[in-house]
Amino acid sequence: MQSENPLIADFVKLMNSAAGTFAGMTREARDGARERLKETLGGLDFVSREEFDAVKDMAAKAREENEVLAERLAALEEKLK
């Protein structure tokens, strides 16, 4: 049996509106926080995995070449003695 009391009906409508407003505020806060995080992280200089791997490979190759040159230098210094 549904109540016909206008006071209760108005109170229920008010609570429904408050719940909808609260849900909207929650969505707005979440979206705003997400947007601020994107702006903050967007200003940082991150590299892609491909760029990182390319530089890593270049560094490894440079180390190998440096070792070869160090061996050649040691051999030449030994000849001079």
PDB file of N, CA and C in Angstrom:
ATOM      1  N   MET A   1       0.834  -1.175   0.000  1.00  0.00           N
ATOM      2  CA  MET A   1       0.000   0.000   0.000  1.00  0.00           C
ATOM      3  C   MET A   1       0.877   1.235   0.000  1.00  0.00           C
ATOM      4  N   GLN A   2       0.705   2.074  -0.978  1.00  0.00           N
ATOM      5  CA  GLN A   2       1.535   3.263  -1.132  1.00  0.00           C
ATOM      6  C   GLN A   2       0.948   4.406  -0.315  1.00  0.00           C
ATOM      7  N   SER A   3       1.835   5.147   0.330  1.00  0.00           N
ATOM      8  CA  SER A   3       1.390   6.268   1.170  1.00  0.00           C
ATOM      9  C   SER A   3       1.020   7.450   0.291  1.00  0.00           C
ATOM     10  N   GLU A   4      -0.024   8.129   0.634  1.00  0.00           N
ATOM     11  CA  GLU A   4      -0.467   9.315  -0.101  1.00  0.00           C
ATOM     12  C   GLU A   4      -0.084  10.594   0.628  1.00  0.00           C
ATOM     13  N   ASN A   5       0.775  10.465   1.652  1.00  0.00           N
ATOM     14  CA  ASN A   5       1.172  11.617   2.435  1.00  0.00           C
ATOM     15  C   ASN A   5       2.100  12.490   1.577  1.00  0.00           C
ATOM     16  N   PRO A   6       1.723  13.754   1.276  1.00  0.00           N
ATOM     17  CA  PRO A   6       2.561  14.607   0.439  1.00  0.00           C
ATOM     18  C   PRO A   6       3.898  14.933   1.088  1.00  0.00           C
ATOM     19  N   LEU A   7       3.954  14.974   2.389  1.00  0.00           N
ATOM     20  CA  LEU A   7       5.201  15.270   3.084  1.00  0.00           C
ATOM     21  C   LEU A   7       6.221  14.152   2.833  1.00  0.00           C
ATOM     22  N   ILE A   8       5.773  12.916   2.938  1.00  0.00           N
ATOM     23  CA  ILE A   8       6.666  11.778   2.688  1.00  0.00           C
ATOM     24  C   ILE A   8       7.062  11.733   1.216  1.00  0.00           C
ATOM     25  N   ALA A   9       6.139  11.981   0.321  1.00  0.00           N
ATOM     26  CA  ALA A   9       6.440  11.970  -1.117  1.00  0.00           C
ATOM     27  C   ALA A   9       7.473  13.047  -1.450  1.00  0.00           C
ATOM     28  N   ASP A  10       7.327  14.228  -0.865  1.00  0.00           N
ATOM     29  CA  ASP A  10       8.304  15.299  -1.098  1.00  0.00           C
ATOM     30  C   ASP A  10       9.669  14.931  -0.532  1.00  0.00           C
ATOM     31  N   PHE A  11       9.673  14.301   0.641  1.00  0.00           N
ATOM     32  CA  PHE A  11      10.935  13.890   1.257  1.00  0.00           C
ATOM     33  C   PHE A  11      11.646  12.851   0.393  1.00  0.00           C
ATOM     34  N   VAL A  12      10.882  11.907  -0.143  1.00  0.00           N
ATOM     35  CA  VAL A  12      11.454  10.880  -1.022  1.00  0.00           C
ATOM     36  C   VAL A  12      12.024  11.522  -2.286  1.00  0.00           C
ATOM     37  N   LYS A  13      11.304  12.465  -2.866  1.00  0.00           N
ATOM     38  CA  LYS A  13      11.806  13.166  -4.057  1.00  0.00           C
ATOM     39  C   LYS A  13      13.084  13.924  -3.735  1.00  0.00           C
ATOM     40  N   LEU A  14      13.122  14.565  -2.565  1.00  0.00           N
ATOM     41  CA  LEU A  14      14.313  15.301  -2.147  1.00  0.00           C
ATOM     42  C   LEU A  14      15.507  14.373  -1.988  1.00  0.00           C
ATOM     43  N   MET A  15      15.294  13.223  -1.383  1.00  0.00           N
ATOM     44  CA  MET A  15      16.381  12.255  -1.190  1.00  0.00           C
ATOM     45  C   MET A  15      16.851  11.691  -2.535  1.00  0.00           C
ATOM     46  N   ASN A  16      15.924  11.450  -3.448  1.00  0.00           N
ATOM     47  CA  ASN A  16      16.296  10.985  -4.791  1.00  0.00           C
ATOM     48  C   ASN A  16      17.146  12.028  -5.503  1.00  0.00           C
ATOM     49  N   SER A  17      16.755  13.261  -5.406  1.00  0.00           N
ATOM     50  CA  SER A  17      17.519  14.341  -6.040  1.00  0.00           C
ATOM     51  C   SER A  17      18.894  14.468  -5.408  1.00  0.00           C
ATOM     52  N   ALA A  18      18.954  14.360  -4.072  1.00  0.00           N
ATOM     53  CA  ALA A  18      20.241  14.458  -3.379  1.00  0.00           C
ATOM     54  C   ALA A  18      21.165  13.316  -3.794  1.00  0.00           C
ATOM     55  N   ALA A  19      20.619  12.120  -3.932  1.00  0.00           N
ATOM     56  CA  ALA A  19      21.430  10.972  -4.351  1.00  0.00           C
ATOM     57  C   ALA A  19      21.957  11.179  -5.769  1.00  0.00           C
ATOM     58  N   GLY A  20      21.107  11.689  -6.647  1.00  0.00           N
ATOM     59  CA  GLY A  20      21.552  11.961  -8.017  1.00  0.00           C
ATOM     60  C   GLY A  20      22.617  13.040  -8.059  1.00  0.00           C
ATOM     61  N   THR A  21      22.444  14.069  -7.255  1.00  0.00           N
ATOM     62  CA  THR A  21      23.443  15.141  -7.198  1.00  0.00           C
ATOM     63  C   THR A  21      24.762  14.618  -6.656  1.00  0.00           C
ATOM     64  N   PHE A  22      24.704  13.801  -5.628  1.00  0.00           N
ATOM     65  CA  PHE A  22      25.926  13.231  -5.052  1.00  0.00           C
ATOM     66  C   PHE A  22      26.651  12.352  -6.064  1.00  0.00           C
ATOM     67  N   ALA A  23      25.892  11.553  -6.810  1.00  0.00           N
ATOM     68  CA  ALA A  23      26.507  10.699  -7.832  1.00  0.00           C
ATOM     69  C   ALA A  23      27.166  11.553  -8.913  1.00  0.00           C
ATOM     70  N   GLY A  24      26.523  12.646  -9.294  1.00  0.00           N
ATOM     71  CA  GLY A  24      27.101  13.544 -10.290  1.00  0.00           C
ATOM     72  C   GLY A  24      28.364  14.217  -9.774  1.00  0.00           C
ATOM     73  N   MET A  25      28.350  14.620  -8.513  1.00  0.00           N
ATOM     74  CA  MET A  25      29.540  15.240  -7.923  1.00  0.00           C
ATOM     75  C   MET A  25      30.699  14.249  -7.865  1.00  0.00           C
ATOM     76  N   THR A  26      30.382  12.996  -7.574  1.00  0.00           N
ATOM     77  CA  THR A  26      31.416  11.959  -7.527  1.00  0.00           C
ATOM     78  C   THR A  26      32.044  11.768  -8.901  1.00  0.00           C
ATOM     79  N   ARG A  27      31.202  11.707  -9.937  1.00  0.00           N
ATOM     80  CA  ARG A  27      31.724  11.567 -11.308  1.00  0.00           C
ATOM     81  C   ARG A  27      32.584  12.765 -11.686  1.00  0.00           C
ATOM     82  N   GLU A  28      32.125  13.966 -11.354  1.00  0.00           N
ATOM     83  CA  GLU A  28      32.876  15.177 -11.676  1.00  0.00           C
ATOM     84  C   GLU A  28      34.230  15.178 -10.969  1.00  0.00           C
ATOM     85  N   ALA A  29      34.248  14.803  -9.706  1.00  0.00           N
ATOM     86  CA  ALA A  29      35.502  14.769  -8.949  1.00  0.00           C
ATOM     87  C   ALA A  29      36.468  13.752  -9.541  1.00  0.00           C
ATOM     88  N   ARG A  30      35.953  12.571  -9.886  1.00  0.00           N
ATOM     89  CA  ARG A  30      36.798  11.526 -10.466  1.00  0.00           C
ATOM     90  C   ARG A  30      37.374  11.977 -11.811  1.00  0.00           C
ATOM     91  N   ASP A  31      36.513  12.549 -12.659  1.00  0.00           N
ATOM     92  CA  ASP A  31      36.973  13.016 -13.971  1.00  0.00           C
ATOM     93  C   ASP A  31      37.973  14.154 -13.836  1.00  0.00           C
ATOM     94  N   GLY A  32      37.739  15.054 -12.878  1.00  0.00           N
ATOM     95  CA  GLY A  32      38.674  16.154 -12.659  1.00  0.00           C
ATOM     96  C   GLY A  32      40.024  15.667 -12.174  1.00  0.00           C
ATOM     97  N   ALA A  33      40.018  14.708 -11.259  1.00  0.00           N
ATOM     98  CA  ALA A  33      41.274  14.145 -10.756  1.00  0.00           C
ATOM     99  C   ALA A  33      42.024  13.429 -11.870  1.00  0.00           C
ATOM    100  N   ARG A  34      41.292  12.696 -12.699  1.00  0.00           N
ATOM    101  CA  ARG A  34      41.919  11.990 -13.814  1.00  0.00           C
ATOM    102  C   ARG A  34      42.559  12.990 -14.788  1.00  0.00           C
ATOM    103  N   GLU A  35      41.867  14.088 -15.052  1.00  0.00           N
ATOM    104  CA  GLU A  35      42.388  15.101 -15.969  1.00  0.00           C
ATOM    105  C   GLU A  35      43.643  15.776 -15.398  1.00  0.00           C
ATOM    106  N   ARG A  36      43.623  16.086 -14.102  1.00  0.00           N
ATOM    107  CA  ARG A  36      44.809  16.683 -13.470  1.00  0.00           C
ATOM    108  C   ARG A  36      45.989  15.732 -13.519  1.00  0.00           C
ATOM    109  N   LEU A  37      45.741  14.441 -13.316  1.00  0.00           N
ATOM    110  CA  LEU A  37      46.813  13.451 -13.377  1.00  0.00           C
ATOM    111  C   LEU A  37      47.389  13.361 -14.791  1.00  0.00           C
ATOM    112  N   LYS A  38      46.525  13.393 -15.794  1.00  0.00           N
ATOM    113  CA  LYS A  38      46.999  13.370 -17.183  1.00  0.00           C
ATOM    114  C   LYS A  38      47.864  14.593 -17.483  1.00  0.00           C
ATOM    115  N   GLU A  39      47.446  15.767 -17.011  1.00  0.00           N
ATOM    116  CA  GLU A  39      48.225  16.984 -17.232  1.00  0.00           C
ATOM    117  C   GLU A  39      49.579  16.893 -16.548  1.00  0.00           C
ATOM    118  N   THR A  40      49.592  16.370 -15.328  1.00  0.00           N
ATOM    119  CA  THR A  40      50.843  16.255 -14.581  1.00  0.00           C
ATOM    120  C   THR A  40      51.792  15.281 -15.265  1.00  0.00           C
ATOM    121  N   LEU A  41      51.287  14.114 -15.634  1.00  0.00           N
ATOM    122  CA  LEU A  41      52.140  13.113 -16.270  1.00  0.00           C
ATOM    123  C   LEU A  41      52.509  13.510 -17.693  1.00  0.00           C
ATOM    124  N   GLY A  42      51.671  14.304 -18.339  1.00  0.00           N
ATOM    125  CA  GLY A  42      51.960  14.740 -19.705  1.00  0.00           C
ATOM    126  C   GLY A  42      53.171  15.655 -19.777  1.00  0.00           C
ATOM    127  N   GLY A  43      53.468  16.353 -18.702  1.00  0.00           N
ATOM    128  CA  GLY A  43      54.619  17.249 -18.684  1.00  0.00           C
ATOM    129  C   GLY A  43      55.933  16.536 -18.468  1.00  0.00           C
ATOM    130  N   LEU A  44      55.887  15.276 -18.046  1.00  0.00           N
ATOM    131  CA  LEU A  44      57.112  14.523 -17.815  1.00  0.00           C
ATOM    132  C   LEU A  44      57.624  13.955 -19.136  1.00  0.00           C
ATOM    133  N   ASP A  45      58.923  13.805 -19.218  1.00  0.00           N
ATOM    134  CA  ASP A  45      59.534  13.287 -20.436  1.00  0.00           C
ATOM    135  C   ASP A  45      59.771  11.788 -20.311  1.00  0.00           C
ATOM    136  N   PHE A  46      58.818  11.021 -20.754  1.00  0.00           N
ATOM    137  CA  PHE A  46      58.959   9.574 -20.777  1.00  0.00           C
ATOM    138  C   PHE A  46      59.377   9.148 -22.174  1.00  0.00           C
ATOM    139  N   VAL A  47      60.116   8.057 -22.251  1.00  0.00           N
ATOM    140  CA  VAL A  47      60.495   7.520 -23.553  1.00  0.00           C
ATOM    141  C   VAL A  47      59.717   6.231 -23.795  1.00  0.00           C
ATOM    142  N   SER A  48      59.578   5.916 -25.051  1.00  0.00           N
ATOM    143  CA  SER A  48      58.881   4.670 -25.381  1.00  0.00           C
ATOM    144  C   SER A  48      59.831   3.493 -25.182  1.00  0.00           C
ATOM    145  N   ARG A  49      59.279   2.318 -25.127  1.00  0.00           N
ATOM    146  CA  ARG A  49      60.078   1.101 -24.962  1.00  0.00           C
ATOM    147  C   ARG A  49      61.034   0.935 -26.133  1.00  0.00           C
ATOM    148  N   GLU A  50      60.574   1.270 -27.354  1.00  0.00           N
ATOM    149  CA  GLU A  50      61.417   1.122 -28.537  1.00  0.00           C
ATOM    150  C   GLU A  50      62.631   2.057 -28.450  1.00  0.00           C
ATOM    151  N   GLU A  51      62.402   3.303 -28.016  1.00  0.00           N
ATOM    152  CA  GLU A  51      63.519   4.245 -27.885  1.00  0.00           C
ATOM    153  C   GLU A  51      64.503   3.771 -26.816  1.00  0.00           C
ATOM    154  N   PHE A  52      63.974   3.293 -25.704  1.00  0.00           N
ATOM    155  CA  PHE A  52      64.828   2.804 -24.631  1.00  0.00           C
ATOM    156  C   PHE A  52      65.688   1.638 -25.108  1.00  0.00           C
ATOM    157  N   ASP A  53      65.061   0.680 -25.796  1.00  0.00           N
ATOM    158  CA  ASP A  53      65.803  -0.485 -26.285  1.00  0.00           C
ATOM    159  C   ASP A  53      66.863  -0.088 -27.302  1.00  0.00           C
ATOM    160  N   ALA A  54      66.555   0.889 -28.159  1.00  0.00           N
ATOM    161  CA  ALA A  54      67.527   1.338 -29.155  1.00  0.00           C
ATOM    162  C   ALA A  54      68.751   1.954 -28.472  1.00  0.00           C
ATOM    163  N   VAL A  55      68.539   2.794 -27.474  1.00  0.00           N
ATOM    164  CA  VAL A  55      69.659   3.425 -26.765  1.00  0.00           C
ATOM    165  C   VAL A  55      70.437   2.378 -25.969  1.00  0.00           C
ATOM    166  N   LYS A  56      69.725   1.415 -25.403  1.00  0.00           N
ATOM    167  CA  LYS A  56      70.384   0.340 -24.658  1.00  0.00           C
ATOM    168  C   LYS A  56      71.303  -0.462 -25.576  1.00  0.00           C
ATOM    169  N   ASP A  57      70.822  -0.767 -26.790  1.00  0.00           N
ATOM    170  CA  ASP A  57      71.641  -1.499 -27.763  1.00  0.00           C
ATOM    171  C   ASP A  57      72.850  -0.675 -28.189  1.00  0.00           C
ATOM    172  N   MET A  58      72.645   0.633 -28.383  1.00  0.00           N
ATOM    173  CA  MET A  58      73.773   1.501 -28.758  1.00  0.00           C
ATOM    174  C   MET A  58      74.827   1.530 -27.654  1.00  0.00           C
ATOM    175  N   ALA A  59      74.403   1.590 -26.403  1.00  0.00           N
ATOM    176  CA  ALA A  59      75.344   1.614 -25.279  1.00  0.00           C
ATOM    177  C   ALA A  59      76.113   0.300 -25.187  1.00  0.00           C
ATOM    178  N   ALA A  60      75.437  -0.821 -25.422  1.00  0.00           N
ATOM    179  CA  ALA A  60      76.110  -2.122 -25.379  1.00  0.00           C
ATOM    180  C   ALA A  60      77.151  -2.211 -26.487  1.00  0.00           C
ATOM    181  N   LYS A  61      76.808  -1.733 -27.669  1.00  0.00           N
ATOM    182  CA  LYS A  61      77.759  -1.757 -28.790  1.00  0.00           C
ATOM    183  C   LYS A  61      78.954  -0.856 -28.484  1.00  0.00           C
ATOM    184  N   ALA A  62      78.711   0.309 -27.898  1.00  0.00           N
ATOM    185  CA  ALA A  62      79.804   1.223 -27.554  1.00  0.00           C
ATOM    186  C   ALA A  62      80.726   0.592 -26.508  1.00  0.00           C
ATOM    187  N   ARG A  63      80.154  -0.120 -25.532  1.00  0.00           N
ATOM    188  CA  ARG A  63      80.986  -0.794 -24.528  1.00  0.00           C
ATOM    189  C   ARG A  63      81.865  -1.866 -25.179  1.00  0.00           C
ATOM    190  N   GLU A  64      81.299  -2.625 -26.109  1.00  0.00           N
ATOM    191  CA  GLU A  64      82.071  -3.662 -26.796  1.00  0.00           C
ATOM    192  C   GLU A  64      83.215  -3.033 -27.587  1.00  0.00           C
ATOM    193  N   GLU A  65      82.922  -1.971 -28.317  1.00  0.00           N
ATOM    194  CA  GLU A  65      83.964  -1.285 -29.081  1.00  0.00           C
ATOM    195  C   GLU A  65      85.031  -0.725 -28.158  1.00  0.00           C
ATOM    196  N   ASN A  66      84.628  -0.205 -27.013  1.00  0.00           N
ATOM    197  CA  ASN A  66      85.580   0.341 -26.048  1.00  0.00           C
ATOM    198  C   ASN A  66      86.505  -0.751 -25.516  1.00  0.00           C
ATOM    199  N   GLU A  67      85.955  -1.933 -25.263  1.00  0.00           N
ATOM    200  CA  GLU A  67      86.776  -3.049 -24.790  1.00  0.00           C
ATOM    201  C   GLU A  67      87.794  -3.465 -25.851  1.00  0.00           C
ATOM    202  N   VAL A  68      87.363  -3.518 -27.118  1.00  0.00           N
ATOM    203  CA  VAL A  68      88.275  -3.880 -28.216  1.00  0.00           C
ATOM    204  C   VAL A  68      89.389  -2.850 -28.322  1.00  0.00           C
ATOM    205  N   LEU A  69      89.031  -1.570 -28.253  1.00  0.00           N
ATOM    206  CA  LEU A  69      90.039  -0.521 -28.345  1.00  0.00           C
ATOM    207  C   LEU A  69      90.988  -0.551 -27.144  1.00  0.00           C
ATOM    208  N   ALA A  70      90.479  -0.872 -25.979  1.00  0.00           N
ATOM    209  CA  ALA A  70      91.340  -0.969 -24.790  1.00  0.00           C
ATOM    210  C   ALA A  70      92.343  -2.113 -24.954  1.00  0.00           C
ATOM    211  N   GLU A  71      91.898  -3.226 -25.530  1.00  0.00           N
ATOM    212  CA  GLU A  71      92.810  -4.349 -25.775  1.00  0.00           C
ATOM    213  C   GLU A  71      93.881  -3.962 -26.795  1.00  0.00           C
ATOM    214  N   ARG A  72      93.466  -3.274 -27.857  1.00  0.00           N
ATOM    215  CA  ARG A  72      94.437  -2.833 -28.877  1.00  0.00           C
ATOM    216  C   ARG A  72      95.445  -1.865 -28.276  1.00  0.00           C
ATOM    217  N   LEU A  73      94.975  -0.963 -27.440  1.00  0.00           N
ATOM    218  CA  LEU A  73      95.861   0.004 -26.793  1.00  0.00           C
ATOM    219  C   LEU A  73      96.841  -0.707 -25.872  1.00  0.00           C
ATOM    220  N   ALA A  74      96.363  -1.686 -25.132  1.00  0.00           N
ATOM    221  CA  ALA A  74      97.249  -2.446 -24.245  1.00  0.00           C
ATOM    222  C   ALA A  74      98.304  -3.187 -25.062  1.00  0.00           C
ATOM    223  N   ALA A  75      97.904  -3.740 -26.206  1.00  0.00           N
ATOM    224  CA  ALA A  75      98.855  -4.457 -27.058  1.00  0.00           C
ATOM    225  C   ALA A  75      99.897  -3.497 -27.617  1.00  0.00           C
ATOM    226  N   LEU A  76      99.482  -2.315 -28.053  1.00  0.00           N
ATOM    227  CA  LEU A  76     100.432  -1.331 -28.578  1.00  0.00           C
ATOM    228  C   LEU A  76     101.375  -0.837 -27.490  1.00  0.00           C
ATOM    229  N   GLU A  77     100.873  -0.617 -26.288  1.00  0.00           N
ATOM    230  CA  GLU A  77     101.729  -0.193 -25.184  1.00  0.00           C
ATOM    231  C   GLU A  77     102.735  -1.278 -24.832  1.00  0.00           C
ATOM    232  N   GLU A  78     102.316  -2.535 -24.948  1.00  0.00           N
ATOM    233  CA  GLU A  78     103.223  -3.650 -24.661  1.00  0.00           C
ATOM    234  C   GLU A  78     104.339  -3.705 -25.703  1.00  0.00           C
ATOM    235  N   LYS A  79     104.016  -3.403 -26.963  1.00  0.00           N
ATOM    236  CA  LYS A  79     105.038  -3.406 -28.024  1.00  0.00           C
ATOM    237  C   LYS A  79     106.064  -2.301 -27.793  1.00  0.00           C
ATOM    238  N   LEU A  80     105.598  -1.180 -27.248  1.00  0.00           N
ATOM    239  CA  LEU A  80     106.501  -0.043 -27.030  1.00  0.00           C
ATOM    240  C   LEU A  80     107.484  -0.293 -25.889  1.00  0.00           C
ATOM    241  N   LYS A  81     107.183  -1.191 -25.011  1.00  0.00           N
ATOM    242  CA  LYS A  81     108.064  -1.458 -23.868  1.00  0.00           C
ATOM    243  C   LYS A  81     109.238  -2.283 -24.218  1.00  0.00           C
TER     244      LYS A  81
END
